[in-house]
């Protein structure tokens, strides 16, 4: 699962919709893994990759991750 996250991170930083879709699929699969459910970055990428793909095909974001920068510190 962590390899899927790493691959998704690379595809997420591409410049085309096809790669964003791949990133979204890989990141979502990684985020669903029990071992990574508490990993903030993995969970964020699952949402961010989906939003980036949606925006790239002219559809609205679901998680509002693309137009702002935010980090939560606990």
PDB file of N, CA and C in Angstrom:
ATOM      1  N   UNK A   1       0.805  -1.221   0.000  1.00  0.00           N
ATOM      2  CA  UNK A   1       0.000   0.000   0.000  1.00  0.00           C
ATOM      3  C   UNK A   1       0.844   1.281   0.000  1.00  0.00           C
ATOM      4  N   UNK A   2       1.966   1.266   0.707  1.00  0.00           N
ATOM      5  CA  UNK A   2       2.789   2.477   0.729  1.00  0.00           C
ATOM      6  C   UNK A   2       3.419   2.728  -0.637  1.00  0.00           C
ATOM      7  N   UNK A   3       3.674   1.668  -1.394  1.00  0.00           N
ATOM      8  CA  UNK A   3       4.195   1.843  -2.755  1.00  0.00           C
ATOM      9  C   UNK A   3       3.148   2.497  -3.651  1.00  0.00           C
ATOM     10  N   UNK A   4       1.885   2.136  -3.454  1.00  0.00           N
ATOM     11  CA  UNK A   4       0.810   2.785  -4.214  1.00  0.00           C
ATOM     12  C   UNK A   4       0.753   4.274  -3.876  1.00  0.00           C
ATOM     13  N   UNK A   5       0.912   4.598  -2.603  1.00  0.00           N
ATOM     14  CA  UNK A   5       0.946   6.010  -2.194  1.00  0.00           C
ATOM     15  C   UNK A   5       2.091   6.740  -2.886  1.00  0.00           C
ATOM     16  N   UNK A   6       3.282   6.154  -2.862  1.00  0.00           N
ATOM     17  CA  UNK A   6       4.445   6.806  -3.486  1.00  0.00           C
ATOM     18  C   UNK A   6       4.234   6.992  -4.986  1.00  0.00           C
ATOM     19  N   UNK A   7       3.698   5.992  -5.646  1.00  0.00           N
ATOM     20  CA  UNK A   7       3.419   6.113  -7.085  1.00  0.00           C
ATOM     21  C   UNK A   7       2.359   7.183  -7.332  1.00  0.00           C
ATOM     22  N   UNK A   8       1.338   7.207  -6.500  1.00  0.00           N
ATOM     23  CA  UNK A   8       0.279   8.210  -6.643  1.00  0.00           C
ATOM     24  C   UNK A   8       0.846   9.615  -6.488  1.00  0.00           C
ATOM     25  N   UNK A   9       1.762   9.780  -5.564  1.00  0.00           N
ATOM     26  CA  UNK A   9       2.373  11.095  -5.337  1.00  0.00           C
ATOM     27  C   UNK A   9       3.073  11.584  -6.606  1.00  0.00           C
ATOM     28  N   UNK A  10       3.750  10.695  -7.286  1.00  0.00           N
ATOM     29  CA  UNK A  10       4.439  11.063  -8.531  1.00  0.00           C
ATOM     30  C   UNK A  10       3.427  11.414  -9.621  1.00  0.00           C
ATOM     31  N   UNK A  11       2.434  10.563  -9.828  1.00  0.00           N
ATOM     32  CA  UNK A  11       1.419  10.838 -10.853  1.00  0.00           C
ATOM     33  C   UNK A  11       0.648  12.120 -10.541  1.00  0.00           C
ATOM     34  N   UNK A  12       0.451  12.398  -9.271  1.00  0.00           N
ATOM     35  CA  UNK A  12      -0.281  13.599  -8.849  1.00  0.00           C
ATOM     36  C   UNK A  12       0.420  14.884  -9.290  1.00  0.00           C
ATOM     37  N   UNK A  13       1.722  14.821  -9.463  1.00  0.00           N
ATOM     38  CA  UNK A  13       2.487  16.003  -9.854  1.00  0.00           C
ATOM     39  C   UNK A  13       2.779  16.051 -11.350  1.00  0.00           C
ATOM     40  N   UNK A  14       1.970  15.397 -12.118  1.00  0.00           N
ATOM     41  CA  UNK A  14       2.062  15.431 -13.572  1.00  0.00           C
ATOM     42  C   UNK A  14       1.374  16.699 -14.083  1.00  0.00           C
ATOM     43  N   UNK A  15       1.072  16.700 -15.360  1.00  0.00           N
ATOM     44  CA  UNK A  15       0.363  17.853 -15.919  1.00  0.00           C
ATOM     45  C   UNK A  15      -0.759  17.423 -16.861  1.00  0.00           C
ATOM     46  N   UNK A  16      -1.325  16.222 -16.620  1.00  0.00           N
ATOM     47  CA  UNK A  16      -2.418  15.800 -17.496  1.00  0.00           C
ATOM     48  C   UNK A  16      -3.442  14.955 -16.752  1.00  0.00           C
ATOM     49  N   UNK A  17      -4.650  14.978 -17.252  1.00  0.00           N
ATOM     50  CA  UNK A  17      -5.783  14.310 -16.609  1.00  0.00           C
ATOM     51  C   UNK A  17      -5.593  12.807 -16.467  1.00  0.00           C
ATOM     52  N   UNK A  18      -4.992  12.195 -17.463  1.00  0.00           N
ATOM     53  CA  UNK A  18      -4.789  10.737 -17.421  1.00  0.00           C
ATOM     54  C   UNK A  18      -3.958  10.348 -16.197  1.00  0.00           C
ATOM     55  N   UNK A  19      -2.880  11.072 -15.962  1.00  0.00           N
ATOM     56  CA  UNK A  19      -2.035  10.785 -14.806  1.00  0.00           C
ATOM     57  C   UNK A  19      -2.745  11.120 -13.498  1.00  0.00           C
ATOM     58  N   UNK A  20      -3.537  12.182 -13.480  1.00  0.00           N
ATOM     59  CA  UNK A  20      -4.290  12.528 -12.275  1.00  0.00           C
ATOM     60  C   UNK A  20      -5.274  11.423 -11.914  1.00  0.00           C
ATOM     61  N   UNK A  21      -5.879  10.818 -12.928  1.00  0.00           N
ATOM     62  CA  UNK A  21      -6.815   9.721 -12.671  1.00  0.00           C
ATOM     63  C   UNK A  21      -6.079   8.526 -12.070  1.00  0.00           C
ATOM     64  N   UNK A  22      -4.920   8.204 -12.616  1.00  0.00           N
ATOM     65  CA  UNK A  22      -4.106   7.110 -12.069  1.00  0.00           C
ATOM     66  C   UNK A  22      -3.734   7.426 -10.617  1.00  0.00           C
ATOM     67  N   UNK A  23      -3.317   8.658 -10.374  1.00  0.00           N
ATOM     68  CA  UNK A  23      -2.964   9.080  -9.012  1.00  0.00           C
ATOM     69  C   UNK A  23      -4.147   8.902  -8.074  1.00  0.00           C
ATOM     70  N   UNK A  24      -5.314   9.277  -8.531  1.00  0.00           N
ATOM     71  CA  UNK A  24      -6.513   9.165  -7.697  1.00  0.00           C
ATOM     72  C   UNK A  24      -6.812   7.717  -7.339  1.00  0.00           C
ATOM     73  N   UNK A  25      -6.729   6.835  -8.312  1.00  0.00           N
ATOM     74  CA  UNK A  25      -6.995   5.408  -8.062  1.00  0.00           C
ATOM     75  C   UNK A  25      -5.967   4.836  -7.080  1.00  0.00           C
ATOM     76  N   UNK A  26      -4.700   5.083  -7.333  1.00  0.00           N
ATOM     77  CA  UNK A  26      -3.650   4.548  -6.464  1.00  0.00           C
ATOM     78  C   UNK A  26      -3.742   5.121  -5.051  1.00  0.00           C
ATOM     79  N   UNK A  27      -3.940   6.421  -4.946  1.00  0.00           N
ATOM     80  CA  UNK A  27      -4.005   7.067  -3.634  1.00  0.00           C
ATOM     81  C   UNK A  27      -5.224   6.598  -2.846  1.00  0.00           C
ATOM     82  N   UNK A  28      -6.332   6.417  -3.524  1.00  0.00           N
ATOM     83  CA  UNK A  28      -7.540   5.941  -2.846  1.00  0.00           C
ATOM     84  C   UNK A  28      -7.346   4.523  -2.338  1.00  0.00           C
ATOM     85  N   UNK A  29      -6.720   3.688  -3.132  1.00  0.00           N
ATOM     86  CA  UNK A  29      -6.436   2.317  -2.690  1.00  0.00           C
ATOM     87  C   UNK A  29      -5.511   2.325  -1.475  1.00  0.00           C
ATOM     88  N   UNK A  30      -4.486   3.152  -1.503  1.00  0.00           N
ATOM     89  CA  UNK A  30      -3.563   3.238  -0.363  1.00  0.00           C
ATOM     90  C   UNK A  30      -4.287   3.744   0.885  1.00  0.00           C
ATOM     91  N   UNK A  31      -5.146   4.745   0.709  1.00  0.00           N
ATOM     92  CA  UNK A  31      -5.850   5.338   1.847  1.00  0.00           C
ATOM     93  C   UNK A  31      -6.824   4.362   2.500  1.00  0.00           C
ATOM     94  N   UNK A  32      -7.308   3.395   1.748  1.00  0.00           N
ATOM     95  CA  UNK A  32      -8.246   2.416   2.295  1.00  0.00           C
ATOM     96  C   UNK A  32      -7.557   1.320   3.103  1.00  0.00           C
ATOM     97  N   UNK A  33      -6.247   1.215   2.982  1.00  0.00           N
ATOM     98  CA  UNK A  33      -5.511   0.181   3.693  1.00  0.00           C
ATOM     99  C   UNK A  33      -5.531   0.447   5.201  1.00  0.00           C
ATOM    100  N   UNK A  34      -5.805  -0.574   5.961  1.00  0.00           N
ATOM    101  CA  UNK A  34      -5.922  -0.454   7.417  1.00  0.00           C
ATOM    102  C   UNK A  34      -4.669   0.148   8.055  1.00  0.00           C
ATOM    103  N   UNK A  35      -3.496  -0.233   7.569  1.00  0.00           N
ATOM    104  CA  UNK A  35      -2.240   0.263   8.138  1.00  0.00           C
ATOM    105  C   UNK A  35      -2.031   1.759   7.899  1.00  0.00           C
ATOM    106  N   UNK A  36      -2.708   2.311   6.893  1.00  0.00           N
ATOM    107  CA  UNK A  36      -2.487   3.720   6.533  1.00  0.00           C
ATOM    108  C   UNK A  36      -3.676   4.621   6.861  1.00  0.00           C
ATOM    109  N   UNK A  37      -4.685   4.087   7.525  1.00  0.00           N
ATOM    110  CA  UNK A  37      -5.892   4.863   7.822  1.00  0.00           C
ATOM    111  C   UNK A  37      -5.624   6.065   8.719  1.00  0.00           C
ATOM    112  N   UNK A  38      -4.601   6.005   9.533  1.00  0.00           N
ATOM    113  CA  UNK A  38      -4.279   7.105  10.450  1.00  0.00           C
ATOM    114  C   UNK A  38      -3.177   8.021   9.904  1.00  0.00           C
ATOM    115  N   UNK A  39      -2.691   7.740   8.725  1.00  0.00           N
ATOM    116  CA  UNK A  39      -1.618   8.543   8.131  1.00  0.00           C
ATOM    117  C   UNK A  39      -2.229   9.745   7.418  1.00  0.00           C
ATOM    118  N   UNK A  40      -2.015  10.926   7.986  1.00  0.00           N
ATOM    119  CA  UNK A  40      -2.629  12.146   7.466  1.00  0.00           C
ATOM    120  C   UNK A  40      -2.259  12.396   6.006  1.00  0.00           C
ATOM    121  N   UNK A  41      -1.003  12.248   5.651  1.00  0.00           N
ATOM    122  CA  UNK A  41      -0.555  12.554   4.290  1.00  0.00           C
ATOM    123  C   UNK A  41      -1.171  11.592   3.278  1.00  0.00           C
ATOM    124  N   UNK A  42      -1.244  10.326   3.642  1.00  0.00           N
ATOM    125  CA  UNK A  42      -1.863   9.343   2.743  1.00  0.00           C
ATOM    126  C   UNK A  42      -3.334   9.680   2.537  1.00  0.00           C
ATOM    127  N   UNK A  43      -4.026   9.994   3.618  1.00  0.00           N
ATOM    128  CA  UNK A  43      -5.447  10.333   3.519  1.00  0.00           C
ATOM    129  C   UNK A  43      -5.649  11.618   2.708  1.00  0.00           C
ATOM    130  N   UNK A  44      -4.780  12.603   2.933  1.00  0.00           N
ATOM    131  CA  UNK A  44      -4.884  13.861   2.186  1.00  0.00           C
ATOM    132  C   UNK A  44      -4.671  13.622   0.692  1.00  0.00           C
ATOM    133  N   UNK A  45      -3.673  12.829   0.332  1.00  0.00           N
ATOM    134  CA  UNK A  45      -3.397  12.606  -1.083  1.00  0.00           C
ATOM    135  C   UNK A  45      -4.566  11.902  -1.765  1.00  0.00           C
ATOM    136  N   UNK A  46      -5.216  11.000  -1.074  1.00  0.00           N
ATOM    137  CA  UNK A  46      -6.387  10.352  -1.652  1.00  0.00           C
ATOM    138  C   UNK A  46      -7.437  11.367  -2.073  1.00  0.00           C
ATOM    139  N   UNK A  47      -7.625  12.373  -1.251  1.00  0.00           N
ATOM    140  CA  UNK A  47      -8.600  13.431  -1.555  1.00  0.00           C
ATOM    141  C   UNK A  47      -8.060  14.412  -2.581  1.00  0.00           C
ATOM    142  N   UNK A  48      -6.813  14.828  -2.415  1.00  0.00           N
ATOM    143  CA  UNK A  48      -6.231  15.822  -3.312  1.00  0.00           C
ATOM    144  C   UNK A  48      -6.101  15.313  -4.744  1.00  0.00           C
ATOM    145  N   UNK A  49      -5.720  14.056  -4.895  1.00  0.00           N
ATOM    146  CA  UNK A  49      -5.577  13.483  -6.241  1.00  0.00           C
ATOM    147  C   UNK A  49      -6.935  13.415  -6.932  1.00  0.00           C
ATOM    148  N   UNK A  50      -7.964  13.055  -6.182  1.00  0.00           N
ATOM    149  CA  UNK A  50      -9.313  13.014  -6.753  1.00  0.00           C
ATOM    150  C   UNK A  50      -9.744  14.419  -7.188  1.00  0.00           C
ATOM    151  N   UNK A  51      -9.550  15.405  -6.309  1.00  0.00           N
ATOM    152  CA  UNK A  51      -9.932  16.779  -6.645  1.00  0.00           C
ATOM    153  C   UNK A  51      -9.159  17.303  -7.856  1.00  0.00           C
ATOM    154  N   UNK A  52      -7.876  17.007  -7.915  1.00  0.00           N
ATOM    155  CA  UNK A  52      -7.075  17.481  -9.045  1.00  0.00           C
ATOM    156  C   UNK A  52      -7.576  16.866 -10.352  1.00  0.00           C
ATOM    157  N   UNK A  53      -7.900  15.582 -10.312  1.00  0.00           N
ATOM    158  CA  UNK A  53      -8.447  14.935 -11.502  1.00  0.00           C
ATOM    159  C   UNK A  53      -9.770  15.585 -11.905  1.00  0.00           C
ATOM    160  N   UNK A  54     -10.659  15.790 -10.957  1.00  0.00           N
ATOM    161  CA  UNK A  54     -11.961  16.377 -11.268  1.00  0.00           C
ATOM    162  C   UNK A  54     -11.803  17.772 -11.885  1.00  0.00           C
ATOM    163  N   UNK A  55     -10.959  18.590 -11.300  1.00  0.00           N
ATOM    164  CA  UNK A  55     -10.740  19.932 -11.857  1.00  0.00           C
ATOM    165  C   UNK A  55     -10.152  19.859 -13.261  1.00  0.00           C
ATOM    166  N   UNK A  56      -9.294  18.886 -13.498  1.00  0.00           N
ATOM    167  CA  UNK A  56      -8.641  18.781 -14.807  1.00  0.00           C
ATOM    168  C   UNK A  56      -9.615  18.402 -15.915  1.00  0.00           C
ATOM    169  N   UNK A  57     -10.745  17.795 -15.550  1.00  0.00           N
ATOM    170  CA  UNK A  57     -11.748  17.443 -16.552  1.00  0.00           C
ATOM    171  C   UNK A  57     -12.950  18.387 -16.500  1.00  0.00           C
ATOM    172  N   UNK A  58     -12.769  19.510 -15.798  1.00  0.00           N
ATOM    173  CA  UNK A  58     -13.794  20.548 -15.783  1.00  0.00           C
ATOM    174  C   UNK A  58     -14.950  20.310 -14.829  1.00  0.00           C
ATOM    175  N   UNK A  59     -14.740  19.475 -13.831  1.00  0.00           N
ATOM    176  CA  UNK A  59     -15.787  19.200 -12.850  1.00  0.00           C
ATOM    177  C   UNK A  59     -15.389  19.783 -11.498  1.00  0.00           C
ATOM    178  N   UNK A  60     -16.364  19.992 -10.615  1.00  0.00           N
ATOM    179  CA  UNK A  60     -16.044  20.601  -9.315  1.00  0.00           C
ATOM    180  C   UNK A  60     -15.307  19.641  -8.374  1.00  0.00           C
ATOM    181  N   UNK A  61     -14.553  20.229  -7.487  1.00  0.00           N
ATOM    182  CA  UNK A  61     -13.867  19.460  -6.449  1.00  0.00           C
ATOM    183  C   UNK A  61     -14.885  18.895  -5.459  1.00  0.00           C
ATOM    184  N   UNK A  62     -14.512  17.833  -4.814  1.00  0.00           N
ATOM    185  CA  UNK A  62     -15.348  17.268  -3.755  1.00  0.00           C
ATOM    186  C   UNK A  62     -14.823  17.668  -2.377  1.00  0.00           C
ATOM    187  N   UNK A  63     -13.504  17.739  -2.234  1.00  0.00           N
ATOM    188  CA  UNK A  63     -12.884  17.955  -0.928  1.00  0.00           C
ATOM    189  C   UNK A  63     -12.254  19.345  -0.759  1.00  0.00           C
ATOM    190  N   UNK A  64     -12.302  20.178  -1.785  1.00  0.00           N
ATOM    191  CA  UNK A  64     -11.726  21.535  -1.744  1.00  0.00           C
ATOM    192  C   UNK A  64     -10.253  21.533  -1.345  1.00  0.00           C
ATOM    193  N   UNK A  65      -9.470  20.735  -2.017  1.00  0.00           N
ATOM    194  CA  UNK A  65      -8.039  20.646  -1.705  1.00  0.00           C
ATOM    195  C   UNK A  65      -7.155  21.422  -2.682  1.00  0.00           C
ATOM    196  N   UNK A  66      -7.699  21.911  -3.773  1.00  0.00           N
ATOM    197  CA  UNK A  66      -6.856  22.473  -4.823  1.00  0.00           C
ATOM    198  C   UNK A  66      -6.729  23.992  -4.819  1.00  0.00           C
ATOM    199  N   UNK A  67      -7.595  24.675  -4.133  1.00  0.00           N
ATOM    200  CA  UNK A  67      -7.550  26.135  -4.186  1.00  0.00           C
ATOM    201  C   UNK A  67      -7.030  26.773  -2.909  1.00  0.00           C
ATOM    202  N   UNK A  68      -6.564  25.962  -1.996  1.00  0.00           N
ATOM    203  CA  UNK A  68      -6.028  26.512  -0.753  1.00  0.00           C
ATOM    204  C   UNK A  68      -4.962  25.588  -0.213  1.00  0.00           C
ATOM    205  N   UNK A  69      -4.179  26.129   0.677  1.00  0.00           N
ATOM    206  CA  UNK A  69      -3.128  25.343   1.325  1.00  0.00           C
ATOM    207  C   UNK A  69      -3.425  25.319   2.823  1.00  0.00           C
ATOM    208  N   UNK A  70      -3.477  24.144   3.405  1.00  0.00           N
ATOM    209  CA  UNK A  70      -3.716  24.061   4.841  1.00  0.00           C
ATOM    210  C   UNK A  70      -3.016  22.844   5.419  1.00  0.00           C
ATOM    211  N   UNK A  71      -2.526  23.030   6.623  1.00  0.00           N
ATOM    212  CA  UNK A  71      -1.906  21.939   7.358  1.00  0.00           C
ATOM    213  C   UNK A  71      -2.457  21.982   8.781  1.00  0.00           C
ATOM    214  N   UNK A  72      -2.855  20.847   9.286  1.00  0.00           N
ATOM    215  CA  UNK A  72      -3.310  20.749  10.662  1.00  0.00           C
ATOM    216  C   UNK A  72      -2.202  20.182  11.513  1.00  0.00           C
ATOM    217  N   UNK A  73      -1.913  20.872  12.594  1.00  0.00           N
ATOM    218  CA  UNK A  73      -0.941  20.370  13.568  1.00  0.00           C
ATOM    219  C   UNK A  73      -1.677  20.037  14.841  1.00  0.00           C
ATOM    220  N   UNK A  74      -1.443  18.859  15.338  1.00  0.00           N
ATOM    221  CA  UNK A  74      -2.119  18.443  16.575  1.00  0.00           C
ATOM    222  C   UNK A  74      -1.124  18.338  17.699  1.00  0.00           C
TER     223      UNK A  74
END
